[in-house]
Amino acid sequence: CPEWVKKYLSYGWRSLMKTVLPSVSLLQKSP
């Protein structure tokens, strides 16, 4: 696949992790 696709996917994945992981950890900590 093209290079820009790889860059876009990797960037999107990192931003997704930054936004999703904190909320998931908060949900797991709260009863």
Protein backbone atom coordinates (compact mmCIF):
# COMPACT_ATOMS: atom_id res chain seq x y z
CA CYS A 1 0.00 0.00 0.00
CA PRO A 2 1.14 3.63 -0.48
CA GLU A 3 3.35 5.31 2.09
CA TRP A 4 0.77 7.98 2.96
CA VAL A 5 -1.70 5.26 3.87
CA LYS A 6 0.77 3.77 6.34
CA LYS A 7 1.49 7.19 7.83
CA TYR A 8 -2.21 8.01 8.09
CA LEU A 9 -3.06 4.69 9.73
CA SER A 10 -0.18 4.87 12.20
CA TYR A 11 -1.06 8.46 13.10
CA GLY A 12 -4.74 7.65 13.45
CA TRP A 13 -3.93 4.62 15.63
CA ARG A 14 -1.72 6.70 17.95
CA SER A 15 -4.36 9.43 18.30
CA LEU A 16 -7.00 6.76 18.88
CA MET A 17 -4.94 5.17 21.64
CA LYS A 18 -4.37 8.56 23.26
CA THR A 19 -8.11 9.26 23.40
CA VAL A 20 -9.46 5.75 24.06
CA LEU A 21 -6.99 4.28 26.56
CA PRO A 22 -7.43 6.94 29.30
CA SER A 23 -11.23 6.60 29.19
CA VAL A 24 -10.97 2.81 29.29
CA SER A 25 -8.64 2.90 32.28
CA LEU A 26 -11.01 5.28 34.07
CA LEU A 27 -13.95 2.97 33.38
CA GLN A 28 -12.02 0.00 34.73
CA LYS A 29 -11.02 1.86 37.91
CA SER A 30 -14.55 3.02 38.69
CA PRO A 31 -16.88 0.30 40.08
